[in-house]
Amino acid sequence: MLYNQYSRAHTKGQETMLIYEYKVAGNKKQYAAIDAAIRVVQFIRNKCVRLWMDERGINKNDLQCYCAELAREYSFANHLNSQARQASADRAWFAIARFYENCKNHKPGKKGYPKFQHNNRSVEYKQTGWKLEPDGRHITFTDGCGIGRLRLVGNKKQHIETFPAKRLKRVRLVWRADGYYVQFSVQAERVIEHISTGRQVGIDVGLKAYYSDSEGNTVDNPRHYRKAEKKLSRLHRRLSRKQKKSAKRKKARKTLAKGYLKVQRQREDFARKQANALVTSSDLIAYEHLQIRNMVKNHHLAKSIHDAGWGQFIRWVKAYGAMHDIPVIAVAPQYTSQNCSACGTLVKKSLSVRTHICPGCGVVLDRDQNAALNILAKATSGTLGHRGTHERVS
């Protein structure tokens, strides 16, 4: 799919940023110019990080001013649009600010000390350095990088040109394994009227089923990576047999990257569709606040956990929940699988036991449905442990 649109929304009717994405068509010279611009962005970002490391008391404004110094000192940096240079400095400050925030909040483990970037894949322009043509099918980059006029390949029913120029806040060129893309960040107000169903549901994500809800419904785990694993292994072997620095090795590496990109897109598409279906059919959603980073330390389950993409699914559930203005609530995961949802009796069981049988009240349920019922009960009773997108339900 060459066109993609999604929004980052927090509340109903709020000003949001819609992202319109198109694949771009150009020639080899233009693609080389895009690559050069991407390298300049990485250079500026890394120089800003180095400045912060070497000098105490550096703030965001200092990094913005430092961009002008870099442009005067390095001719190739001066080719990039001034606002694009500032956006590169913003990337450095984002990493620095996140490090400060983690330290301030006493985050356990590593605090994310800013590192030098080696694999940058995008260059971001603000409101200058580019011009969208009236037909909405071509964009011209006017800075000194030499990118020039590119054709936008996408859904002809979508009309980016209908948005006023002031609404187009950012333009980003992105390199992926299957080509180059341009993203337009559009400021807009997105209002979705949620049709109430009266349904309150708890969900328990898993490996056997993608998720199970408190009503006994399950969604099969698609296992995108597992299905593609045999093909990817073959592509890895082909790559390993190619001579280093050869053209054939470069081609094999690109083919392998496309294989992984396909799996990534399949996982993203499935997560979005399932999240949207869940949110539109519910008035309240409760889920476990899982520490996925710790769970993947189990080497027997790490590959399956990554393949399931729980974090991605939950992020979309929260995003769609904000658009529909419904509560999406996270609860503490302790004992949701072990406690009986009917009487509260603690019934210990290993991961291999898939059926919950309570010796106290005799209830028999699927293990995941029992957990989903406990998750919903925690959310509606107020014993949350962690907040999702809304405050506690009264």
Protein backbone atom coordinates (compact mmCIF):
# COMPACT_ATOMS: atom_id res chain seq x y z
CA MET A 1 0.00 0.00 0.00
CA LEU A 2 1.62 3.22 -1.15
CA TYR A 3 -0.55 5.58 0.84
CA ASN A 4 -1.00 5.68 4.54
CA GLN A 5 -2.91 7.97 6.85
CA TYR A 6 -3.11 7.88 10.62
CA SER A 7 -3.55 10.40 13.38
CA ARG A 8 -1.98 11.03 16.73
CA ALA A 9 -4.90 12.13 18.88
CA HIS A 10 -5.35 12.47 22.62
CA THR A 11 -8.90 13.72 23.13
CA LYS A 12 -12.02 14.00 21.05
CA GLY A 13 -12.20 17.15 18.96
CA GLN A 14 -8.65 18.19 19.84
CA GLU A 15 -6.21 19.58 17.29
CA THR A 16 -4.33 16.54 16.02
CA MET A 17 -1.60 15.80 13.52
CA LEU A 18 -2.62 13.71 10.54
CA ILE A 19 0.24 12.00 8.71
CA TYR A 20 -0.17 11.58 4.96
CA GLU A 21 2.43 9.32 3.41
CA TYR A 22 3.29 8.85 -0.26
CA LYS A 23 5.99 6.92 -2.04
CA VAL A 24 8.14 9.20 -4.19
CA ALA A 25 9.40 8.56 -7.70
CA GLY A 26 12.63 10.15 -8.88
CA ASN A 27 15.91 9.29 -10.58
CA LYS A 28 19.19 7.94 -9.21
CA LYS A 29 20.67 11.42 -8.88
CA GLN A 30 17.71 12.57 -6.79
CA TYR A 31 17.88 9.48 -4.58
CA ALA A 32 21.59 10.13 -4.04
CA ALA A 33 20.74 13.72 -3.05
CA ILE A 34 18.19 12.45 -0.52
CA ASP A 35 20.80 10.09 0.94
CA ALA A 36 23.25 13.00 1.22
CA ALA A 37 20.66 15.12 3.04
CA ILE A 38 19.97 12.25 5.44
CA ARG A 39 23.70 11.98 6.19
CA VAL A 40 23.87 15.73 6.89
CA VAL A 41 21.01 15.36 9.37
CA GLN A 42 22.91 12.59 11.15
CA PHE A 43 26.07 14.68 11.16
CA ILE A 44 24.34 17.71 12.73
CA ARG A 45 22.53 15.58 15.28
CA ASN A 46 25.76 13.88 16.36
CA LYS A 47 27.68 17.16 16.51
CA CYS A 48 24.99 18.57 18.80
CA VAL A 49 25.24 15.55 21.08
CA ARG A 50 29.02 15.97 21.17
CA LEU A 51 28.64 19.65 22.10
CA TRP A 52 26.33 18.70 24.97
CA MET A 53 28.83 16.07 26.16
CA ASP A 54 31.78 18.48 26.06
CA GLU A 55 30.20 21.58 27.59
CA ARG A 56 28.10 21.92 30.72
CA GLY A 57 24.83 23.84 30.78
CA ILE A 58 23.92 23.39 27.11
CA ASN A 59 20.21 23.91 26.46
CA LYS A 60 17.91 23.53 23.47
CA ASN A 61 18.42 27.11 22.29
CA ASP A 62 22.19 26.62 22.31
CA LEU A 63 21.86 23.66 20.00
CA GLN A 64 19.64 25.67 17.64
CA CYS A 65 22.29 28.41 17.45
CA TYR A 66 25.02 25.82 16.99
CA CYS A 67 23.39 24.76 13.69
CA ALA A 68 24.29 28.14 12.17
CA GLU A 69 27.91 27.69 13.26
CA LEU A 70 28.02 24.26 11.63
CA ALA A 71 26.61 25.70 8.40
CA ARG A 72 29.37 28.32 8.31
CA GLU A 73 32.08 25.80 9.10
CA TYR A 74 30.99 22.96 6.79
CA SER A 75 29.83 23.75 3.26
CA PHE A 76 27.85 20.50 2.89
CA ALA A 77 25.85 21.36 6.04
CA ASN A 78 25.03 24.76 4.57
CA HIS A 79 23.31 23.03 1.62
CA LEU A 80 20.57 21.76 3.90
CA ASN A 81 17.64 24.07 4.65
CA SER A 82 18.10 26.06 7.87
CA GLN A 83 14.88 24.79 9.44
CA ALA A 84 15.85 21.21 8.54
CA ARG A 85 19.12 21.80 10.39
CA GLN A 86 17.16 23.02 13.39
CA ALA A 87 14.95 19.93 13.21
CA SER A 88 18.15 17.85 13.33
CA ALA A 89 19.19 19.69 16.50
CA ASP A 90 15.73 19.01 17.92
CA ARG A 91 16.39 15.29 17.50
CA ALA A 92 19.54 15.61 19.59
CA TRP A 93 17.71 17.59 22.27
CA PHE A 94 14.91 15.00 22.36
CA ALA A 95 17.45 12.30 23.27
CA ILE A 96 19.02 14.58 25.88
CA ALA A 97 15.68 15.60 27.39
CA ARG A 98 14.57 11.96 27.60
CA PHE A 99 17.78 11.13 29.47
CA TYR A 100 17.15 13.99 31.92
CA GLU A 101 13.54 12.86 32.41
CA ASN A 102 14.55 9.26 33.11
CA CYS A 103 17.12 10.44 35.66
CA LYS A 104 14.61 12.76 37.32
CA ASN A 105 12.03 9.96 37.59
CA HIS A 106 14.67 7.48 38.86
CA LYS A 107 13.90 5.02 36.10
CA PRO A 108 15.34 1.61 37.03
CA GLY A 109 18.16 0.28 34.90
CA LYS A 110 19.75 2.22 32.06
CA LYS A 111 18.67 5.84 31.74
CA GLY A 112 19.20 6.15 27.98
CA TYR A 113 22.35 8.24 27.85
CA PRO A 114 22.41 9.93 24.39
CA LYS A 115 24.47 8.02 21.84
CA PHE A 116 25.79 8.89 18.43
CA GLN A 117 23.52 7.84 15.60
CA HIS A 118 24.79 5.61 12.79
CA ASN A 119 21.64 4.58 10.94
CA ASN A 120 19.56 7.70 10.36
CA ARG A 121 16.96 7.19 7.63
CA SER A 122 15.08 10.47 7.36
CA VAL A 123 15.36 14.21 6.89
CA GLU A 124 12.69 16.54 8.20
CA TYR A 125 11.73 19.96 6.83
CA LYS A 126 9.46 22.37 8.60
CA GLN A 127 7.55 24.97 6.55
CA THR A 128 10.34 26.10 4.24
CA GLY A 129 12.66 24.34 1.81
CA TRP A 130 9.90 22.63 -0.13
CA LYS A 131 6.95 23.48 -2.33
CA LEU A 132 3.89 21.35 -3.06
CA GLU A 133 2.60 21.81 -6.59
CA PRO A 134 -1.09 22.70 -7.14
CA ASP A 135 -1.88 19.29 -8.63
CA GLY A 136 -0.97 17.62 -5.34
CA ARG A 137 1.08 15.02 -7.20
CA HIS A 138 4.54 16.62 -7.16
CA ILE A 139 6.74 18.20 -4.52
CA THR A 140 9.87 20.27 -5.11
CA PHE A 141 12.66 20.67 -2.56
CA THR A 142 14.23 24.09 -3.00
CA ASP A 143 17.28 24.00 -0.71
CA GLY A 144 20.85 23.39 -1.83
CA CYS A 145 20.80 19.60 -1.52
CA GLY A 146 19.72 19.19 -5.15
CA ILE A 147 16.76 16.87 -4.56
CA GLY A 148 14.51 18.84 -6.88
CA ARG A 149 11.07 17.78 -8.12
CA LEU A 150 9.67 14.40 -7.02
CA ARG A 151 6.47 12.68 -8.08
CA LEU A 152 4.11 11.47 -5.33
CA VAL A 153 2.81 7.94 -5.84
CA GLY A 154 -0.31 7.10 -3.85
CA ASN A 155 -4.06 6.87 -3.61
CA LYS A 156 -5.55 9.22 -6.19
CA LYS A 157 -8.66 9.68 -4.03
CA GLN A 158 -6.57 11.43 -1.36
CA HIS A 159 -5.92 15.11 -1.98
CA ILE A 160 -3.13 16.58 0.11
CA GLU A 161 -3.35 19.82 -1.88
CA THR A 162 -6.77 20.61 -0.39
CA PHE A 163 -5.16 21.50 2.95
CA PRO A 164 -4.07 25.14 3.36
CA ALA A 165 -0.30 25.58 3.28
CA LYS A 166 -0.32 26.80 6.90
CA ARG A 167 -1.78 23.45 7.96
CA LEU A 168 1.18 21.51 6.54
CA LYS A 169 3.53 21.73 9.50
CA ARG A 170 6.26 19.28 8.57
CA VAL A 171 7.51 17.33 5.57
CA ARG A 172 9.75 14.34 6.09
CA LEU A 173 11.67 12.27 3.53
CA VAL A 174 12.12 8.68 4.71
CA TRP A 175 14.25 5.89 3.28
CA ARG A 176 12.97 2.32 3.59
CA ALA A 177 14.08 -0.96 2.12
CA ASP A 178 11.60 -0.69 -0.76
CA GLY A 179 12.22 2.95 -1.67
CA TYR A 180 11.77 6.55 -0.54
CA TYR A 181 8.66 8.07 1.03
CA VAL A 182 7.48 11.54 1.89
CA GLN A 183 5.32 12.24 4.94
CA PHE A 184 3.16 15.34 5.35
CA SER A 185 2.25 16.31 8.90
CA VAL A 186 -1.11 18.10 8.71
CA GLN A 187 -2.66 20.01 11.60
CA ALA A 188 -6.36 19.20 11.68
CA GLU A 189 -9.26 18.62 14.02
CA ARG A 190 -10.47 15.07 13.95
CA VAL A 191 -13.84 14.38 15.56
CA ILE A 192 -15.22 10.84 15.74
CA GLU A 193 -18.72 10.26 17.05
CA HIS A 194 -18.57 7.08 19.12
CA ILE A 195 -21.73 4.97 18.98
CA SER A 196 -22.30 3.68 22.49
CA THR A 197 -22.74 -0.08 22.86
CA GLY A 198 -22.79 -0.31 26.66
CA ARG A 199 -20.05 -2.93 26.44
CA GLN A 200 -17.26 -2.97 28.99
CA VAL A 201 -14.52 -5.44 28.21
CA GLY A 202 -11.26 -6.66 29.64
CA ILE A 203 -8.62 -8.12 27.34
CA ASP A 204 -5.78 -10.52 28.01
CA VAL A 205 -3.06 -10.66 25.37
CA GLY A 206 -1.31 -13.96 24.83
CA LEU A 207 0.71 -16.20 22.55
CA LYS A 208 -1.85 -18.89 21.75
CA ALA A 209 -4.52 -16.29 20.99
CA TYR A 210 -3.69 -12.73 19.98
CA TYR A 211 -6.05 -11.61 22.73
CA SER A 212 -9.00 -13.01 24.66
CA ASP A 213 -11.74 -10.83 26.10
CA SER A 214 -13.91 -11.13 29.19
CA GLU A 215 -16.84 -12.35 27.10
CA GLY A 216 -14.98 -15.42 25.88
CA ASN A 217 -14.15 -14.11 22.41
CA THR A 218 -10.67 -14.76 21.03
CA VAL A 219 -8.65 -13.49 18.08
CA ASP A 220 -6.21 -15.93 16.53
CA ASN A 221 -2.54 -15.03 16.67
CA PRO A 222 -1.43 -14.46 13.05
CA ARG A 223 2.26 -15.24 13.78
CA HIS A 224 3.53 -13.19 10.83
CA TYR A 225 7.22 -13.71 11.60
CA ARG A 226 6.88 -17.44 12.25
CA LYS A 227 5.22 -17.88 8.85
CA ALA A 228 7.96 -15.91 7.12
CA GLU A 229 10.82 -17.36 9.17
CA LYS A 230 11.72 -20.10 6.69
CA LYS A 231 11.96 -17.63 3.81
CA LEU A 232 13.93 -15.13 5.89
CA SER A 233 16.40 -17.84 6.94
CA ARG A 234 16.95 -18.70 3.29
CA LEU A 235 17.58 -15.03 2.48
CA HIS A 236 20.06 -14.82 5.37
CA ARG A 237 21.96 -17.81 3.96
CA ARG A 238 22.05 -16.23 0.51
CA LEU A 239 23.45 -13.04 2.00
CA SER A 240 26.14 -14.87 3.95
CA ARG A 241 27.40 -16.60 0.79
CA LYS A 242 27.92 -13.34 -1.10
CA GLN A 243 31.35 -11.74 -1.20
CA LYS A 244 31.68 -8.71 1.06
CA LYS A 245 31.41 -5.27 -0.57
CA SER A 246 30.16 -6.84 -3.82
CA ALA A 247 27.14 -5.67 -5.80
CA LYS A 248 25.45 -9.06 -5.34
CA ARG A 249 25.82 -8.82 -1.57
CA LYS A 250 24.24 -5.35 -1.63
CA LYS A 251 21.34 -6.73 -3.67
CA ALA A 252 20.89 -9.72 -1.32
CA ARG A 253 20.91 -7.42 1.71
CA LYS A 254 18.20 -5.27 0.13
CA THR A 255 16.06 -8.35 -0.59
CA LEU A 256 16.41 -9.47 3.03
CA ALA A 257 15.45 -6.01 4.31
CA LYS A 258 12.32 -6.09 2.14
CA GLY A 259 11.36 -9.41 3.71
CA TYR A 260 11.58 -7.97 7.21
CA LEU A 261 9.74 -4.83 6.11
CA LYS A 262 6.85 -6.94 4.84
CA VAL A 263 6.54 -8.70 8.21
CA GLN A 264 6.65 -5.34 10.00
CA ARG A 265 3.85 -3.95 7.83
CA GLN A 266 1.72 -7.07 8.27
CA ARG A 267 2.06 -6.82 12.04
CA GLU A 268 1.24 -3.10 12.02
CA ASP A 269 -1.79 -3.52 9.76
CA PHE A 270 -3.21 -6.38 11.85
CA ALA A 271 -2.70 -4.49 15.13
CA ARG A 272 -4.45 -1.38 13.80
CA LYS A 273 -7.44 -3.28 12.42
CA GLN A 274 -7.95 -5.31 15.59
CA ALA A 275 -7.57 -2.23 17.81
CA ASN A 276 -10.07 -0.26 15.74
CA ALA A 277 -12.60 -3.10 15.81
CA LEU A 278 -12.22 -3.48 19.57
CA VAL A 279 -12.60 0.24 20.32
CA THR A 280 -15.61 0.82 18.03
CA SER A 281 -17.49 -2.06 19.71
CA SER A 282 -16.73 -1.08 23.33
CA ASP A 283 -17.42 1.71 25.81
CA LEU A 284 -14.60 0.76 28.21
CA ILE A 285 -11.48 -1.34 27.68
CA ALA A 286 -9.18 -2.69 30.39
CA TYR A 287 -5.82 -4.34 29.77
CA GLU A 288 -2.77 -5.53 31.69
CA HIS A 289 0.17 -3.16 32.03
CA LEU A 290 2.80 -5.73 31.10
CA GLN A 291 6.54 -5.15 31.40
CA ILE A 292 7.30 -6.55 27.95
CA ARG A 293 10.94 -5.49 28.15
CA ASN A 294 11.41 -7.85 31.09
CA MET A 295 9.30 -10.64 29.61
CA VAL A 296 11.47 -10.99 26.51
CA LYS A 297 14.43 -11.86 28.73
CA ASN A 298 12.93 -15.36 28.70
CA HIS A 299 14.83 -16.74 25.71
CA HIS A 300 12.31 -19.54 25.20
CA LEU A 301 9.46 -17.08 24.58
CA ALA A 302 11.20 -13.92 23.36
CA LYS A 303 10.73 -14.58 19.65
CA SER A 304 7.02 -15.38 20.06
CA ILE A 305 6.45 -12.32 22.26
CA HIS A 306 8.12 -10.03 19.73
CA ASP A 307 6.13 -11.66 16.92
CA ALA A 308 2.83 -11.05 18.74
CA GLY A 309 3.53 -7.31 18.97
CA TRP A 310 1.55 -6.67 22.16
CA GLY A 311 3.01 -3.21 22.71
CA GLN A 312 2.08 -2.09 19.21
CA PHE A 313 -1.48 -3.39 19.63
CA ILE A 314 -1.96 -1.66 22.99
CA ARG A 315 -0.60 1.65 21.62
CA TRP A 316 -3.23 1.58 18.88
CA VAL A 317 -5.97 0.64 21.33
CA LYS A 318 -5.07 3.71 23.40
CA ALA A 319 -4.84 5.92 20.31
CA TYR A 320 -8.23 4.84 18.95
CA GLY A 321 -9.69 5.03 22.46
CA ALA A 322 -8.65 8.68 22.65
CA MET A 323 -10.20 9.39 19.26
CA HIS A 324 -13.48 7.76 20.31
CA ASP A 325 -13.30 9.34 23.78
CA ILE A 326 -13.72 6.06 25.68
CA PRO A 327 -11.75 4.97 28.78
CA VAL A 328 -8.79 2.66 28.09
CA ILE A 329 -7.47 1.57 31.47
CA ALA A 330 -4.30 -0.30 32.41
CA VAL A 331 -4.29 -2.49 35.50
CA ALA A 332 -1.54 -4.26 37.44
CA PRO A 333 -0.97 -7.79 36.08
CA GLN A 334 -0.38 -9.50 39.42
CA TYR A 335 -2.55 -12.60 39.98
CA THR A 336 -4.92 -11.93 37.08
CA SER A 337 -4.29 -15.47 35.79
CA GLN A 338 -4.13 -17.17 39.21
CA ASN A 339 -7.16 -15.71 41.01
CA CYS A 340 -10.62 -17.08 40.32
CA SER A 341 -12.78 -14.44 38.65
CA ALA A 342 -15.91 -15.82 40.35
CA CYS A 343 -14.86 -16.17 44.00
CA GLY A 344 -11.30 -14.82 44.23
CA THR A 345 -9.69 -18.09 45.28
CA LEU A 346 -6.00 -18.35 44.44
CA VAL A 347 -5.57 -21.21 41.97
CA LYS A 348 -1.90 -21.63 41.10
CA LYS A 349 -1.16 -23.02 37.65
CA SER A 350 1.76 -23.14 35.24
CA LEU A 351 1.76 -21.65 31.74
CA SER A 352 1.00 -25.07 30.26
CA VAL A 353 -2.36 -25.25 32.09
CA ARG A 354 -4.85 -23.57 29.77
CA THR A 355 -8.06 -24.20 31.74
CA HIS A 356 -9.00 -22.51 35.01
CA ILE A 357 -10.76 -24.93 37.41
CA CYS A 358 -11.62 -23.43 40.78
CA PRO A 359 -11.72 -25.88 43.72
CA GLY A 360 -13.64 -23.32 45.78
CA CYS A 361 -16.69 -22.54 43.62
CA GLY A 362 -16.25 -25.11 40.85
CA VAL A 363 -16.21 -22.63 37.98
CA VAL A 364 -14.48 -23.84 34.81
CA LEU A 365 -13.20 -21.23 32.34
CA ASP A 366 -10.53 -20.81 29.74
CA ARG A 367 -7.43 -19.48 31.45
CA ASP A 368 -7.29 -16.33 29.32
CA GLN A 369 -10.99 -15.52 29.75
CA ASN A 370 -10.60 -15.84 33.52
CA ALA A 371 -7.68 -13.40 33.37
CA ALA A 372 -9.68 -10.98 31.20
CA LEU A 373 -12.55 -11.04 33.73
CA ASN A 374 -10.11 -10.25 36.56
CA ILE A 375 -8.60 -7.40 34.50
CA LEU A 376 -12.04 -5.87 33.93
CA ALA A 377 -12.94 -6.26 37.62
CA LYS A 378 -9.75 -4.46 38.65
CA ALA A 379 -10.46 -1.59 36.27
CA THR A 380 -14.08 -1.06 37.31
CA SER A 381 -13.36 -1.45 41.02
CA GLY A 382 -10.63 1.22 40.93
CA THR A 383 -7.66 -1.00 41.88
CA LEU A 384 -5.80 -0.01 38.72
CA GLY A 385 -2.12 0.21 39.52
CA HIS A 386 -1.43 2.20 36.34
CA ARG A 387 -3.41 4.71 34.32
CA GLY A 388 -4.26 4.34 30.67
CA THR A 389 -5.77 7.23 28.75
CA HIS A 390 -8.38 8.31 31.29
CA GLU A 391 -8.83 8.90 34.96
CA ARG A 392 -10.40 6.31 37.21
CA VAL A 393 -13.90 5.19 36.34
CA SER A 394 -16.33 6.07 39.09
